[in-house]
Amino acid sequence: VFPETPENEGYRLFVTWQNEILTPEDHRRNRFIESPIAHPSVMFRR
């Protein structure tokens, strides 16, 4: 997350949570907590 400011501390915590979710099983288990992936980071099959 950039830039780093005191105002986006909560957002950085959210991204830290996302960054810990890596495997398909992790994504499946955590999907109802919050969006487990950053939209502009994805690549998917057409």
ModelCIF file with pLDDT and N, C-alpha, C, O atoms, coordinates in Angstrom:
data_MODEL
#
_entry.id   MODEL 
#
_entity.id                         1 
_entity.type                       polymer 
_entity.pdbx_number_of_molecules   1 
#
_entity_poly.entity_id                      1 
_entity_poly.type                           'polypeptide(L)' 
_entity_poly.nstd_linkage                   no 
_entity_poly.nstd_monomer                   no 
_entity_poly.pdbx_seq_one_letter_code       VFPETPENEGYRLFVTWQNEILTPEDHRRNRFIESPIAHPSVMFRR 
_entity_poly.pdbx_seq_one_letter_code_can   VFPETPENEGYRLFVTWQNEILTPEDHRRNRFIESPIAHPSVMFRR 
_entity_poly.pdbx_strand_id                 A 
#
loop_
_entity_poly_seq.entity_id 
_entity_poly_seq.num 
_entity_poly_seq.mon_id 
_entity_poly_seq.hetero 
1 1  VAL n 
1 2  PHE n 
1 3  PRO n 
1 4  GLU n 
1 5  THR n 
1 6  PRO n 
1 7  GLU n 
1 8  ASN n 
1 9  GLU n 
1 10 GLY n 
1 11 TYR n 
1 12 ARG n 
1 13 LEU n 
1 14 PHE n 
1 15 VAL n 
1 16 THR n 
1 17 TRP n 
1 18 GLN n 
1 19 ASN n 
1 20 GLU n 
1 21 ILE n 
1 22 LEU n 
1 23 THR n 
1 24 PRO n 
1 25 GLU n 
1 26 ASP n 
1 27 HIS n 
1 28 ARG n 
1 29 ARG n 
1 30 ASN n 
1 31 ARG n 
1 32 PHE n 
1 33 ILE n 
1 34 GLU n 
1 35 SER n 
1 36 PRO n 
1 37 ILE n 
1 38 ALA n 
1 39 HIS n 
1 40 PRO n 
1 41 SER n 
1 42 VAL n 
1 43 MET n 
1 44 PHE n 
1 45 ARG n 
1 46 ARG n 
#
_struct_asym.id          A 
_struct_asym.entity_id   1 
#
loop_
_ma_qa_metric.id 
_ma_qa_metric.mode 
_ma_qa_metric.name 
_ma_qa_metric.software_group_id 
_ma_qa_metric.type 
1 global pLDDT . pLDDT 
2 local  pLDDT . pLDDT 
#
_ma_qa_metric_global.metric_id      1 
_ma_qa_metric_global.metric_value   93.46 
_ma_qa_metric_global.model_id       1 
_ma_qa_metric_global.ordinal_id     1 
#
loop_
_ma_qa_metric_local.label_asym_id 
_ma_qa_metric_local.label_comp_id 
_ma_qa_metric_local.label_seq_id 
_ma_qa_metric_local.metric_id 
_ma_qa_metric_local.metric_value 
_ma_qa_metric_local.model_id 
_ma_qa_metric_local.ordinal_id 
A VAL 1  2 95.00 1 1  
A PHE 2  2 92.00 1 2  
A PRO 3  2 86.00 1 3  
A GLU 4  2 79.00 1 4  
A THR 5  2 79.00 1 5  
A PRO 6  2 72.00 1 6  
A GLU 7  2 72.00 1 7  
A ASN 8  2 78.00 1 8  
A GLU 9  2 85.00 1 9  
A GLY 10 2 85.00 1 10 
A TYR 11 2 87.00 1 11 
A ARG 12 2 92.00 1 12 
A LEU 13 2 92.00 1 13 
A PHE 14 2 93.00 1 14 
A VAL 15 2 96.00 1 15 
A THR 16 2 96.00 1 16 
A TRP 17 2 96.00 1 17 
A GLN 18 2 97.00 1 18 
A ASN 19 2 98.00 1 19 
A GLU 20 2 98.00 1 20 
A ILE 21 2 98.00 1 21 
A LEU 22 2 98.00 1 22 
A THR 23 2 98.00 1 23 
A PRO 24 2 98.00 1 24 
A GLU 25 2 98.00 1 25 
A ASP 26 2 97.00 1 26 
A HIS 27 2 98.00 1 27 
A ARG 28 2 97.00 1 28 
A ARG 29 2 96.00 1 29 
A ASN 30 2 97.00 1 30 
A ARG 31 2 97.00 1 31 
A PHE 32 2 97.00 1 32 
A ILE 33 2 96.00 1 33 
A GLU 34 2 95.00 1 34 
A SER 35 2 97.00 1 35 
A PRO 36 2 97.00 1 36 
A ILE 37 2 98.00 1 37 
A ALA 38 2 97.00 1 38 
A HIS 39 2 97.00 1 39 
A PRO 40 2 98.00 1 40 
A SER 41 2 98.00 1 41 
A VAL 42 2 98.00 1 42 
A MET 43 2 98.00 1 43 
A PHE 44 2 98.00 1 44 
A ARG 45 2 98.00 1 45 
A ARG 46 2 97.00 1 46 
#
loop_
_atom_site.group_PDB 
_atom_site.id 
_atom_site.type_symbol 
_atom_site.label_atom_id 
_atom_site.label_alt_id 
_atom_site.label_comp_id 
_atom_site.label_asym_id 
_atom_site.label_entity_id 
_atom_site.label_seq_id 
_atom_site.pdbx_PDB_ins_code 
_atom_site.Cartn_x 
_atom_site.Cartn_y 
_atom_site.Cartn_z 
_atom_site.occupancy 
_atom_site.B_iso_or_equiv 
_atom_site.pdbx_formal_charge 
_atom_site.auth_seq_id 
_atom_site.auth_comp_id 
_atom_site.auth_asym_id 
_atom_site.auth_atom_id 
_atom_site.pdbx_PDB_model_num 
ATOM 1   N N  . VAL A 1 1  ? 0.856   -1.194  0.000   1.00 95.00 ? 1  VAL A N  1 
ATOM 2   C CA . VAL A 1 1  ? 0.000   0.000   0.000   1.00 95.00 ? 1  VAL A CA 1 
ATOM 3   C C  . VAL A 1 1  ? 0.891   1.242   0.000   1.00 95.00 ? 1  VAL A C  1 
ATOM 4   O O  . VAL A 1 1  ? 1.868   1.316   0.746   1.00 95.00 ? 1  VAL A O  1 
ATOM 5   N N  . PHE A 1 2  ? 0.547   2.204   -0.835  1.00 92.00 ? 2  PHE A N  1 
ATOM 6   C CA . PHE A 1 2  ? 1.286   3.465   -0.824  1.00 92.00 ? 2  PHE A CA 1 
ATOM 7   C C  . PHE A 1 2  ? 0.301   4.600   -1.097  1.00 92.00 ? 2  PHE A C  1 
ATOM 8   O O  . PHE A 1 2  ? -0.763  4.342   -1.660  1.00 92.00 ? 2  PHE A O  1 
ATOM 9   N N  . PRO A 1 3  ? 0.603   5.836   -0.727  1.00 86.00 ? 3  PRO A N  1 
ATOM 10  C CA . PRO A 1 3  ? 1.692   6.198   0.194   1.00 86.00 ? 3  PRO A CA 1 
ATOM 11  C C  . PRO A 1 3  ? 1.327   5.810   1.613   1.00 86.00 ? 3  PRO A C  1 
ATOM 12  O O  . PRO A 1 3  ? 0.156   5.588   1.919   1.00 86.00 ? 3  PRO A O  1 
ATOM 13  N N  . GLU A 1 4  ? 2.323   5.727   2.479   1.00 79.00 ? 4  GLU A N  1 
ATOM 14  C CA . GLU A 1 4  ? 2.061   5.380   3.868   1.00 79.00 ? 4  GLU A CA 1 
ATOM 15  C C  . GLU A 1 4  ? 1.720   6.642   4.645   1.00 79.00 ? 4  GLU A C  1 
ATOM 16  O O  . GLU A 1 4  ? 2.534   7.558   4.759   1.00 79.00 ? 4  GLU A O  1 
ATOM 17  N N  . THR A 1 5  ? 0.503   6.675   5.178   1.00 79.00 ? 5  THR A N  1 
ATOM 18  C CA . THR A 1 5  ? 0.057   7.801   5.990   1.00 79.00 ? 5  THR A CA 1 
ATOM 19  C C  . THR A 1 5  ? -0.677  7.253   7.205   1.00 79.00 ? 5  THR A C  1 
ATOM 20  O O  . THR A 1 5  ? -1.132  6.110   7.183   1.00 79.00 ? 5  THR A O  1 
ATOM 21  N N  . PRO A 1 6  ? -0.801  8.049   8.268   1.00 72.00 ? 6  PRO A N  1 
ATOM 22  C CA . PRO A 1 6  ? -1.560  7.578   9.441   1.00 72.00 ? 6  PRO A CA 1 
ATOM 23  C C  . PRO A 1 6  ? -3.009  7.249   9.102   1.00 72.00 ? 6  PRO A C  1 
ATOM 24  O O  . PRO A 1 6  ? -3.627  6.411   9.758   1.00 72.00 ? 6  PRO A O  1 
ATOM 25  N N  . GLU A 1 7  ? -3.558  7.911   8.071   1.00 72.00 ? 7  GLU A N  1 
ATOM 26  C CA . GLU A 1 7  ? -4.970  7.721   7.730   1.00 72.00 ? 7  GLU A CA 1 
ATOM 27  C C  . GLU A 1 7  ? -5.247  6.346   7.135   1.00 72.00 ? 7  GLU A C  1 
ATOM 28  O O  . GLU A 1 7  ? -6.377  5.865   7.222   1.00 72.00 ? 7  GLU A O  1 
ATOM 29  N N  . ASN A 1 8  ? -4.252  5.699   6.532   1.00 78.00 ? 8  ASN A N  1 
ATOM 30  C CA . ASN A 1 8  ? -4.545  4.406   5.903   1.00 78.00 ? 8  ASN A CA 1 
ATOM 31  C C  . ASN A 1 8  ? -4.006  3.215   6.683   1.00 78.00 ? 8  ASN A C  1 
ATOM 32  O O  . ASN A 1 8  ? -3.765  2.151   6.113   1.00 78.00 ? 8  ASN A O  1 
ATOM 33  N N  . GLU A 1 9  ? -3.815  3.396   7.988   1.00 85.00 ? 9  GLU A N  1 
ATOM 34  C CA . GLU A 1 9  ? -3.358  2.294   8.819   1.00 85.00 ? 9  GLU A CA 1 
ATOM 35  C C  . GLU A 1 9  ? -4.333  1.111   8.762   1.00 85.00 ? 9  GLU A C  1 
ATOM 36  O O  . GLU A 1 9  ? -3.909  -0.039  8.652   1.00 85.00 ? 9  GLU A O  1 
ATOM 37  N N  . GLY A 1 10 ? -5.638  1.395   8.838   1.00 85.00 ? 10 GLY A N  1 
ATOM 38  C CA . GLY A 1 10 ? -6.624  0.318   8.750   1.00 85.00 ? 10 GLY A CA 1 
ATOM 39  C C  . GLY A 1 10 ? -6.573  -0.398  7.412   1.00 85.00 ? 10 GLY A C  1 
ATOM 40  O O  . GLY A 1 10 ? -6.730  -1.617  7.340   1.00 85.00 ? 10 GLY A O  1 
ATOM 41  N N  . TYR A 1 11 ? -6.352  0.368   6.359   1.00 87.00 ? 11 TYR A N  1 
ATOM 42  C CA . TYR A 1 11 ? -6.272  -0.238  5.026   1.00 87.00 ? 11 TYR A CA 1 
ATOM 43  C C  . TYR A 1 11 ? -5.047  -1.141  4.921   1.00 87.00 ? 11 TYR A C  1 
ATOM 44  O O  . TYR A 1 11 ? -5.112  -2.208  4.311   1.00 87.00 ? 11 TYR A O  1 
ATOM 45  N N  . ARG A 1 12 ? -3.926  -0.716  5.514   1.00 92.00 ? 12 ARG A N  1 
ATOM 46  C CA . ARG A 1 12 ? -2.723  -1.546  5.479   1.00 92.00 ? 12 ARG A CA 1 
ATOM 47  C C  . ARG A 1 12 ? -2.932  -2.845  6.257   1.00 92.00 ? 12 ARG A C  1 
ATOM 48  O O  . ARG A 1 12 ? -2.429  -3.897  5.863   1.00 92.00 ? 12 ARG A O  1 
ATOM 49  N N  . LEU A 1 13 ? -3.678  -2.766  7.368   1.00 92.00 ? 13 LEU A N  1 
ATOM 50  C CA . LEU A 1 13 ? -3.978  -3.987  8.118   1.00 92.00 ? 13 LEU A CA 1 
ATOM 51  C C  . LEU A 1 13 ? -4.803  -4.953  7.270   1.00 92.00 ? 13 LEU A C  1 
ATOM 52  O O  . LEU A 1 13 ? -4.577  -6.163  7.286   1.00 92.00 ? 13 LEU A O  1 
ATOM 53  N N  . PHE A 1 14 ? -5.760  -4.399  6.531   1.00 93.00 ? 14 PHE A N  1 
ATOM 54  C CA . PHE A 1 14 ? -6.578  -5.232  5.641   1.00 93.00 ? 14 PHE A CA 1 
ATOM 55  C C  . PHE A 1 14 ? -5.715  -5.901  4.576   1.00 93.00 ? 14 PHE A C  1 
ATOM 56  O O  . PHE A 1 14 ? -5.874  -7.093  4.313   1.00 93.00 ? 14 PHE A O  1 
ATOM 57  N N  . VAL A 1 15 ? -4.803  -5.147  3.961   1.00 96.00 ? 15 VAL A N  1 
ATOM 58  C CA . VAL A 1 15 ? -3.942  -5.712  2.923   1.00 96.00 ? 15 VAL A CA 1 
ATOM 59  C C  . VAL A 1 15 ? -2.995  -6.750  3.520   1.00 96.00 ? 15 VAL A C  1 
ATOM 60  O O  . VAL A 1 15 ? -2.702  -7.760  2.879   1.00 96.00 ? 15 VAL A O  1 
ATOM 61  N N  . THR A 1 16 ? -2.514  -6.513  4.741   1.00 96.00 ? 16 THR A N  1 
ATOM 62  C CA . THR A 1 16 ? -1.686  -7.519  5.414   1.00 96.00 ? 16 THR A CA 1 
ATOM 63  C C  . THR A 1 16 ? -2.453  -8.817  5.591   1.00 96.00 ? 16 THR A C  1 
ATOM 64  O O  . THR A 1 16 ? -1.901  -9.899  5.395   1.00 96.00 ? 16 THR A O  1 
ATOM 65  N N  . TRP A 1 17 ? -3.731  -8.715  5.963   1.00 96.00 ? 17 TRP A N  1 
ATOM 66  C CA . TRP A 1 17 ? -4.586  -9.908  6.074   1.00 96.00 ? 17 TRP A CA 1 
ATOM 67  C C  . TRP A 1 17 ? -4.705  -10.601 4.722   1.00 96.00 ? 17 TRP A C  1 
ATOM 68  O O  . TRP A 1 17 ? -4.551  -11.820 4.644   1.00 96.00 ? 17 TRP A O  1 
ATOM 69  N N  . GLN A 1 18 ? -4.974  -9.854  3.662   1.00 97.00 ? 18 GLN A N  1 
ATOM 70  C CA . GLN A 1 18 ? -5.054  -10.437 2.328   1.00 97.00 ? 18 GLN A CA 1 
ATOM 71  C C  . GLN A 1 18 ? -3.765  -11.151 1.953   1.00 97.00 ? 18 GLN A C  1 
ATOM 72  O O  . GLN A 1 18 ? -3.795  -12.251 1.403   1.00 97.00 ? 18 GLN A O  1 
ATOM 73  N N  . ASN A 1 19 ? -2.647  -10.530 2.250   1.00 98.00 ? 19 ASN A N  1 
ATOM 74  C CA . ASN A 1 19 ? -1.351  -11.073 1.835   1.00 98.00 ? 19 ASN A CA 1 
ATOM 75  C C  . ASN A 1 19 ? -1.023  -12.402 2.493   1.00 98.00 ? 19 ASN A C  1 
ATOM 76  O O  . ASN A 1 19 ? -0.153  -13.131 2.015   1.00 98.00 ? 19 ASN A O  1 
ATOM 77  N N  . GLU A 1 20 ? -1.704  -12.725 3.577   1.00 98.00 ? 20 GLU A N  1 
ATOM 78  C CA . GLU A 1 20 ? -1.471  -14.001 4.260   1.00 98.00 ? 20 GLU A CA 1 
ATOM 79  C C  . GLU A 1 20 ? -2.281  -15.143 3.648   1.00 98.00 ? 20 GLU A C  1 
ATOM 80  O O  . GLU A 1 20 ? -2.081  -16.304 4.005   1.00 98.00 ? 20 GLU A O  1 
ATOM 81  N N  . ILE A 1 21 ? -3.186  -14.825 2.736   1.00 98.00 ? 21 ILE A N  1 
ATOM 82  C CA . ILE A 1 21 ? -4.068  -15.824 2.128   1.00 98.00 ? 21 ILE A CA 1 
ATOM 83  C C  . ILE A 1 21 ? -3.485  -16.188 0.765   1.00 98.00 ? 21 ILE A C  1 
ATOM 84  O O  . ILE A 1 21 ? -3.512  -15.371 -0.156  1.00 98.00 ? 21 ILE A O  1 
ATOM 85  N N  . LEU A 1 22 ? -2.960  -17.401 0.628   1.00 98.00 ? 22 LEU A N  1 
ATOM 86  C CA . LEU A 1 22 ? -2.235  -17.761 -0.579  1.00 98.00 ? 22 LEU A CA 1 
ATOM 87  C C  . LEU A 1 22 ? -2.850  -18.933 -1.347  1.00 98.00 ? 22 LEU A C  1 
ATOM 88  O O  . LEU A 1 22 ? -2.983  -18.854 -2.569  1.00 98.00 ? 22 LEU A O  1 
ATOM 89  N N  . THR A 1 23 ? -3.223  -19.999 -0.673  1.00 98.00 ? 23 THR A N  1 
ATOM 90  C CA . THR A 1 23 ? -3.650  -21.219 -1.353  1.00 98.00 ? 23 THR A CA 1 
ATOM 91  C C  . THR A 1 23 ? -5.142  -21.171 -1.705  1.00 98.00 ? 23 THR A C  1 
ATOM 92  O O  . THR A 1 23 ? -5.882  -20.358 -1.152  1.00 98.00 ? 23 THR A O  1 
ATOM 93  N N  . PRO A 1 24 ? -5.583  -22.035 -2.620  1.00 98.00 ? 24 PRO A N  1 
ATOM 94  C CA . PRO A 1 24 ? -7.026  -22.119 -2.907  1.00 98.00 ? 24 PRO A CA 1 
ATOM 95  C C  . PRO A 1 24 ? -7.851  -22.409 -1.656  1.00 98.00 ? 24 PRO A C  1 
ATOM 96  O O  . PRO A 1 24 ? -8.952  -21.882 -1.499  1.00 98.00 ? 24 PRO A O  1 
ATOM 97  N N  . GLU A 1 25 ? -7.319  -23.247 -0.765  1.00 98.00 ? 25 GLU A N  1 
ATOM 98  C CA . GLU A 1 25 ? -8.039  -23.579 0.465   1.00 98.00 ? 25 GLU A CA 1 
ATOM 99  C C  . GLU A 1 25 ? -8.143  -22.356 1.382   1.00 98.00 ? 25 GLU A C  1 
ATOM 100 O O  . GLU A 1 25 ? -9.179  -22.129 2.006   1.00 98.00 ? 25 GLU A O  1 
ATOM 101 N N  . ASP A 1 26 ? -7.067  -21.574 1.458   1.00 97.00 ? 26 ASP A N  1 
ATOM 102 C CA . ASP A 1 26 ? -7.091  -20.342 2.255   1.00 97.00 ? 26 ASP A CA 1 
ATOM 103 C C  . ASP A 1 26 ? -8.162  -19.384 1.732   1.00 97.00 ? 26 ASP A C  1 
ATOM 104 O O  . ASP A 1 26 ? -8.929  -18.814 2.508   1.00 97.00 ? 26 ASP A O  1 
ATOM 105 N N  . HIS A 1 27 ? -8.206  -19.214 0.408   1.00 98.00 ? 27 HIS A N  1 
ATOM 106 C CA . HIS A 1 27 ? -9.183  -18.295 -0.180  1.00 98.00 ? 27 HIS A CA 1 
ATOM 107 C C  . HIS A 1 27 ? -10.611 -18.773 0.081   1.00 98.00 ? 27 HIS A C  1 
ATOM 108 O O  . HIS A 1 27 ? -11.500 -17.975 0.378   1.00 98.00 ? 27 HIS A O  1 
ATOM 109 N N  . ARG A 1 28 ? -10.815 -20.076 -0.034  1.00 97.00 ? 28 ARG A N  1 
ATOM 110 C CA . ARG A 1 28 ? -12.156 -20.621 0.173   1.00 97.00 ? 28 ARG A CA 1 
ATOM 111 C C  . ARG A 1 28 ? -12.614 -20.417 1.617   1.00 97.00 ? 28 ARG A C  1 
ATOM 112 O O  . ARG A 1 28 ? -13.755 -20.020 1.853   1.00 97.00 ? 28 ARG A O  1 
ATOM 113 N N  . ARG A 1 29 ? -11.731 -20.686 2.588   1.00 96.00 ? 29 ARG A N  1 
ATOM 114 C CA . ARG A 1 29 ? -12.105 -20.587 4.001   1.00 96.00 ? 29 ARG A CA 1 
ATOM 115 C C  . ARG A 1 29 ? -12.365 -19.144 4.428   1.00 96.00 ? 29 ARG A C  1 
ATOM 116 O O  . ARG A 1 29 ? -13.209 -18.894 5.288   1.00 96.00 ? 29 ARG A O  1 
ATOM 117 N N  . ASN A 1 30 ? -11.654 -18.206 3.839   1.00 97.00 ? 30 ASN A N  1 
ATOM 118 C CA . ASN A 1 30 ? -11.723 -16.810 4.281   1.00 97.00 ? 30 ASN A CA 1 
ATOM 119 C C  . ASN A 1 30 ? -12.627 -15.931 3.429   1.00 97.00 ? 30 ASN A C  1 
ATOM 120 O O  . ASN A 1 30 ? -12.719 -14.730 3.684   1.00 97.00 ? 30 ASN A O  1 
ATOM 121 N N  . ARG A 1 31 ? -13.288 -16.480 2.440   1.00 97.00 ? 31 ARG A N  1 
ATOM 122 C CA . ARG A 1 31 ? -13.983 -15.639 1.462   1.00 97.00 ? 31 ARG A CA 1 
ATOM 123 C C  . ARG A 1 31 ? -15.162 -14.872 2.040   1.00 97.00 ? 31 ARG A C  1 
ATOM 124 O O  . ARG A 1 31 ? -15.527 -13.824 1.506   1.00 97.00 ? 31 ARG A O  1 
ATOM 125 N N  . PHE A 1 32 ? -15.776 -15.369 3.130   1.00 97.00 ? 32 PHE A N  1 
ATOM 126 C CA . PHE A 1 32 ? -16.923 -14.667 3.697   1.00 97.00 ? 32 PHE A CA 1 
ATOM 127 C C  . PHE A 1 32 ? -16.520 -13.621 4.740   1.00 97.00 ? 32 PHE A C  1 
ATOM 128 O O  . PHE A 1 32 ? -17.368 -12.867 5.217   1.00 97.00 ? 32 PHE A O  1 
ATOM 129 N N  . ILE A 1 33 ? -15.236 -13.570 5.097   1.00 96.00 ? 33 ILE A N  1 
ATOM 130 C CA . ILE A 1 33 ? -14.772 -12.540 6.027   1.00 96.00 ? 33 ILE A CA 1 
ATOM 131 C C  . ILE A 1 33 ? -14.689 -11.203 5.302   1.00 96.00 ? 33 ILE A C  1 
ATOM 132 O O  . ILE A 1 33 ? -15.225 -10.197 5.768   1.00 96.00 ? 33 ILE A O  1 
ATOM 133 N N  . GLU A 1 34 ? -14.022 -11.205 4.174   1.00 95.00 ? 34 GLU A N  1 
ATOM 134 C CA . GLU A 1 34 ? -13.810 -10.011 3.362   1.00 95.00 ? 34 GLU A CA 1 
ATOM 135 C C  . GLU A 1 34 ? -13.259 -10.496 2.031   1.00 95.00 ? 34 GLU A C  1 
ATOM 136 O O  . GLU A 1 34 ? -12.913 -11.670 1.899   1.00 95.00 ? 34 GLU A O  1 
ATOM 137 N N  . SER A 1 35 ? -13.170 -9.611  1.040   1.00 97.00 ? 35 SER A N  1 
ATOM 138 C CA . SER A 1 35 ? -12.590 -10.018 -0.233  1.00 97.00 ? 35 SER A CA 1 
ATOM 139 C C  . SER A 1 35 ? -11.141 -10.432 -0.013  1.00 97.00 ? 35 SER A C  1 
ATOM 140 O O  . SER A 1 35 ? -10.341 -9.619  0.450   1.00 97.00 ? 35 SER A O  1 
ATOM 141 N N  . PRO A 1 36 ? -10.778 -11.674 -0.333  1.00 97.00 ? 36 PRO A N  1 
ATOM 142 C CA . PRO A 1 36 ? -9.426  -12.151 -0.016  1.00 97.00 ? 36 PRO A CA 1 
ATOM 143 C C  . PRO A 1 36 ? -8.376  -11.765 -1.047  1.00 97.00 ? 36 PRO A C  1 
ATOM 144 O O  . PRO A 1 36 ? -7.202  -12.092 -0.870  1.00 97.00 ? 36 PRO A O  1 
ATOM 145 N N  . ILE A 1 37 ? -8.761  -11.080 -2.116  1.00 98.00 ? 37 ILE A N  1 
ATOM 146 C CA . ILE A 1 37 ? -7.805  -10.699 -3.154  1.00 98.00 ? 37 ILE A CA 1 
ATOM 147 C C  . ILE A 1 37 ? -8.018  -9.250  -3.558  1.00 98.00 ? 37 ILE A C  1 
ATOM 148 O O  . ILE A 1 37 ? -9.130  -8.726  -3.489  1.00 98.00 ? 37 ILE A O  1 
ATOM 149 N N  . ALA A 1 38 ? -6.932  -8.614  -3.981  1.00 97.00 ? 38 ALA A N  1 
ATOM 150 C CA . ALA A 1 38 ? -6.988  -7.238  -4.472  1.00 97.00 ? 38 ALA A CA 1 
ATOM 151 C C  . ALA A 1 38 ? -7.372  -7.266  -5.947  1.00 97.00 ? 38 ALA A C  1 
ATOM 152 O O  . ALA A 1 38 ? -6.692  -7.886  -6.765  1.00 97.00 ? 38 ALA A O  1 
ATOM 153 N N  . HIS A 1 39 ? -8.459  -6.596  -6.273  1.00 97.00 ? 39 HIS A N  1 
ATOM 154 C CA . HIS A 1 39 ? -8.977  -6.609  -7.642  1.00 97.00 ? 39 HIS A CA 1 
ATOM 155 C C  . HIS A 1 39 ? -7.913  -6.274  -8.692  1.00 97.00 ? 39 HIS A C  1 
ATOM 156 O O  . HIS A 1 39 ? -7.786  -7.013  -9.668  1.00 97.00 ? 39 HIS A O  1 
ATOM 157 N N  . PRO A 1 40 ? -7.137  -5.182  -8.531  1.00 98.00 ? 40 PRO A N  1 
ATOM 158 C CA . PRO A 1 40 ? -6.175  -4.854  -9.582  1.00 98.00 ? 40 PRO A CA 1 
ATOM 159 C C  . PRO A 1 40 ? -4.947  -5.749  -9.621  1.00 98.00 ? 40 PRO A C  1 
ATOM 160 O O  . PRO A 1 40 ? -4.045  -5.525  -10.429 1.00 98.00 ? 40 PRO A O  1 
ATOM 161 N N  . SER A 1 41 ? -4.899  -6.769  -8.751  1.00 98.00 ? 41 SER A N  1 
ATOM 162 C CA . SER A 1 41 ? -3.761  -7.697  -8.774  1.00 98.00 ? 41 SER A CA 1 
ATOM 163 C C  . SER A 1 41 ? -4.066  -8.993  -9.495  1.00 98.00 ? 41 SER A C  1 
ATOM 164 O O  . SER A 1 41 ? -3.180  -9.841  -9.611  1.00 98.00 ? 41 SER A O  1 
ATOM 165 N N  . VAL A 1 42 ? -5.285  -9.185  -9.987  1.00 98.00 ? 42 VAL A N  1 
ATOM 166 C CA . VAL A 1 42 ? -5.680  -10.513 -10.474 1.00 98.00 ? 42 VAL A CA 1 
ATOM 167 C C  . VAL A 1 42 ? -5.400  -10.686 -11.959 1.00 98.00 ? 42 VAL A C  1 
ATOM 168 O O  . VAL A 1 42 ? -5.384  -9.729  -12.733 1.00 98.00 ? 42 VAL A O  1 
ATOM 169 N N  . MET A 1 43 ? -5.180  -11.942 -12.326 1.00 98.00 ? 43 MET A N  1 
ATOM 170 C CA . MET A 1 43 ? -5.185  -12.384 -13.719 1.00 98.00 ? 43 MET A CA 1 
ATOM 171 C C  . MET A 1 43 ? -6.033  -13.649 -13.776 1.00 98.00 ? 43 MET A C  1 
ATOM 172 O O  . MET A 1 43 ? -5.852  -14.547 -12.953 1.00 98.00 ? 43 MET A O  1 
ATOM 173 N N  . PHE A 1 44 ? -6.949  -13.736 -14.727 1.00 98.00 ? 44 PHE A N  1 
ATOM 174 C CA . PHE A 1 44 ? -7.810  -14.905 -14.802 1.00 98.00 ? 44 PHE A CA 1 
ATOM 175 C C  . PHE A 1 44 ? -7.992  -15.344 -16.251 1.00 98.00 ? 44 PHE A C  1 
ATOM 176 O O  . PHE A 1 44 ? -7.725  -14.591 -17.187 1.00 98.00 ? 44 PHE A O  1 
ATOM 177 N N  . ARG A 1 45 ? -8.448  -16.569 -16.406 1.00 98.00 ? 45 ARG A N  1 
ATOM 178 C CA . ARG A 1 45 ? -8.679  -17.115 -17.735 1.00 98.00 ? 45 ARG A CA 1 
ATOM 179 C C  . ARG A 1 45 ? -9.930  -16.479 -18.345 1.00 98.00 ? 45 ARG A C  1 
ATOM 180 O O  . ARG A 1 45 ? -10.959 -16.348 -17.682 1.00 98.00 ? 45 ARG A O  1 
ATOM 181 N N  . ARG A 1 46 ? -9.829  -16.096 -19.587 1.00 97.00 ? 46 ARG A N  1 
ATOM 182 C CA . ARG A 1 46 ? -10.954 -15.479 -20.300 1.00 97.00 ? 46 ARG A CA 1 
ATOM 183 C C  . ARG A 1 46 ? -12.179 -16.390 -20.302 1.00 97.00 ? 46 ARG A C  1 
ATOM 184 O O  . ARG A 1 46 ? -13.216 -16.028 -20.858 1.00 97.00 ? 46 ARG A O  1 
#
